[in-house]
Amino acid sequence: MKTLLAGLLLFSAAIAHAECNQLEAQVIAATGAVIAEDATTCTVKLDFSIPHAQLNSSFTCPLDVDDVSNGVTFPKVLGVCTKAPGTVISGILYRATSGNDTRIYLY
């Protein structure tokens, strides 16, 4: 029993001190306003008013809910934003912790 407890403590300590190369959160939401940023990207605001919408931050490297409220960056296809308002998206949102890019992307 003591060995199991010691193992759990070591495991939880390793998780708490994990190096985060990127912050992550799982999302299910609808797209709201779509803003063309430049020739290759657009920013999409998320709408959490749909049924079953959720944002679950990672346990080890959590992406802050306030960051997500600034929008998610999507690439344009042939110069056009492909995410129309009301489109449901789901996946993993991520933001790098190094470098100057503070944008959030969807896997």
Protein backbone atom coordinates (compact mmCIF):
# COMPACT_ATOMS: atom_id res chain seq x y z
CA MET A 1 0.00 0.00 0.00
CA LYS A 2 2.84 2.38 0.87
CA THR A 3 4.51 1.60 -2.44
CA LEU A 4 1.33 2.41 -4.34
CA LEU A 5 0.92 5.70 -2.50
CA ALA A 6 4.55 6.66 -3.14
CA GLY A 7 4.12 5.82 -6.82
CA LEU A 8 1.01 7.98 -7.08
CA LEU A 9 2.79 10.88 -5.41
CA LEU A 10 5.73 10.62 -7.81
CA PHE A 11 3.38 10.42 -10.79
CA SER A 12 1.39 13.47 -9.70
CA ALA A 13 4.61 15.42 -9.09
CA ALA A 14 5.82 14.55 -12.59
CA ILE A 15 2.54 15.78 -14.10
CA ALA A 16 2.63 18.99 -12.08
CA HIS A 17 6.11 19.80 -13.36
CA ALA A 18 5.61 18.77 -16.98
CA GLU A 19 7.20 21.07 -19.54
CA CYS A 20 4.49 22.63 -21.67
CA ASN A 21 5.44 23.34 -25.27
CA GLN A 22 1.85 24.29 -25.98
CA LEU A 23 -1.33 24.96 -24.04
CA GLU A 24 -4.41 22.94 -24.96
CA ALA A 25 -8.16 22.69 -24.49
CA GLN A 26 -10.84 20.46 -25.99
CA VAL A 27 -13.69 22.40 -27.61
CA ILE A 28 -17.14 21.92 -29.05
CA ALA A 29 -18.69 25.22 -30.14
CA ALA A 30 -20.26 27.09 -33.02
CA THR A 31 -18.42 29.71 -35.00
CA GLY A 32 -19.52 33.29 -34.43
CA ALA A 33 -18.09 36.36 -36.11
CA VAL A 34 -15.45 35.75 -38.77
CA ILE A 35 -12.74 38.39 -39.15
CA ALA A 36 -10.28 38.36 -42.08
CA GLU A 37 -6.85 39.09 -40.56
CA ASP A 38 -4.56 39.02 -43.59
CA ALA A 39 -4.18 37.26 -46.94
CA THR A 40 -3.74 33.81 -45.39
CA THR A 41 -5.65 33.71 -42.09
CA CYS A 42 -8.91 34.69 -40.45
CA THR A 43 -9.97 34.81 -36.81
CA VAL A 44 -13.21 33.16 -35.73
CA LYS A 45 -14.97 34.02 -32.48
CA LEU A 46 -16.56 31.04 -30.75
CA ASP A 47 -20.20 30.81 -29.72
CA PHE A 48 -20.89 28.54 -26.74
CA SER A 49 -24.68 29.01 -26.77
CA ILE A 50 -25.34 25.82 -28.77
CA PRO A 51 -26.44 22.61 -27.01
CA HIS A 52 -23.53 20.45 -25.81
CA ALA A 53 -20.99 23.29 -26.27
CA GLN A 54 -18.01 22.95 -23.98
CA LEU A 55 -14.44 23.95 -23.39
CA ASN A 56 -12.29 21.58 -21.34
CA SER A 57 -8.79 22.81 -20.57
CA SER A 58 -5.93 20.33 -20.40
CA PHE A 59 -5.02 19.16 -16.91
CA THR A 60 -1.26 19.44 -17.43
CA CYS A 61 -0.98 22.40 -19.86
CA PRO A 62 -4.28 24.31 -19.71
CA LEU A 63 -5.29 26.87 -22.31
CA ASP A 64 -6.99 29.74 -20.50
CA VAL A 65 -10.65 30.40 -21.28
CA ASP A 66 -9.91 34.13 -21.54
CA ASP A 67 -7.41 33.43 -24.34
CA VAL A 68 -10.01 31.46 -26.27
CA SER A 69 -12.46 34.36 -26.08
CA ASN A 70 -10.11 36.33 -28.38
CA GLY A 71 -10.83 33.91 -31.21
CA VAL A 72 -9.30 31.00 -33.06
CA THR A 73 -7.09 31.38 -36.14
CA PHE A 74 -7.96 29.41 -39.28
CA PRO A 75 -6.14 29.35 -42.61
CA LYS A 76 -7.90 30.77 -45.65
CA VAL A 77 -8.46 28.49 -48.63
CA LEU A 78 -7.85 30.24 -51.94
CA GLY A 79 -8.01 33.55 -50.08
CA VAL A 80 -11.42 32.84 -48.48
CA CYS A 81 -12.31 32.14 -44.84
CA THR A 82 -13.96 28.73 -44.95
CA LYS A 83 -15.64 28.86 -41.53
CA ALA A 84 -19.10 30.38 -41.87
CA PRO A 85 -20.91 31.69 -38.78
CA GLY A 86 -22.94 28.92 -37.13
CA THR A 87 -20.65 26.08 -38.23
CA VAL A 88 -20.02 23.62 -35.39
CA ILE A 89 -16.37 22.91 -34.70
CA SER A 90 -14.84 20.33 -32.39
CA GLY A 91 -11.29 19.35 -31.65
CA ILE A 92 -8.27 20.45 -29.69
CA LEU A 93 -7.36 24.12 -29.46
CA TYR A 94 -3.69 24.88 -28.92
CA ARG A 95 -1.33 27.82 -28.47
CA ALA A 96 2.47 27.62 -28.47
CA THR A 97 4.24 28.72 -25.30
CA SER A 98 7.43 29.75 -27.08
CA GLY A 99 7.96 32.39 -29.74
CA ASN A 100 5.90 35.47 -30.49
CA ASP A 101 2.84 33.73 -31.95
CA THR A 102 0.03 34.07 -29.41
CA ARG A 103 -2.70 32.90 -31.78
CA ILE A 104 -4.85 29.87 -31.01
CA TYR A 105 -5.30 27.13 -33.59
CA LEU A 106 -7.55 24.06 -33.94
CA TYR A 107 -6.14 20.57 -34.57
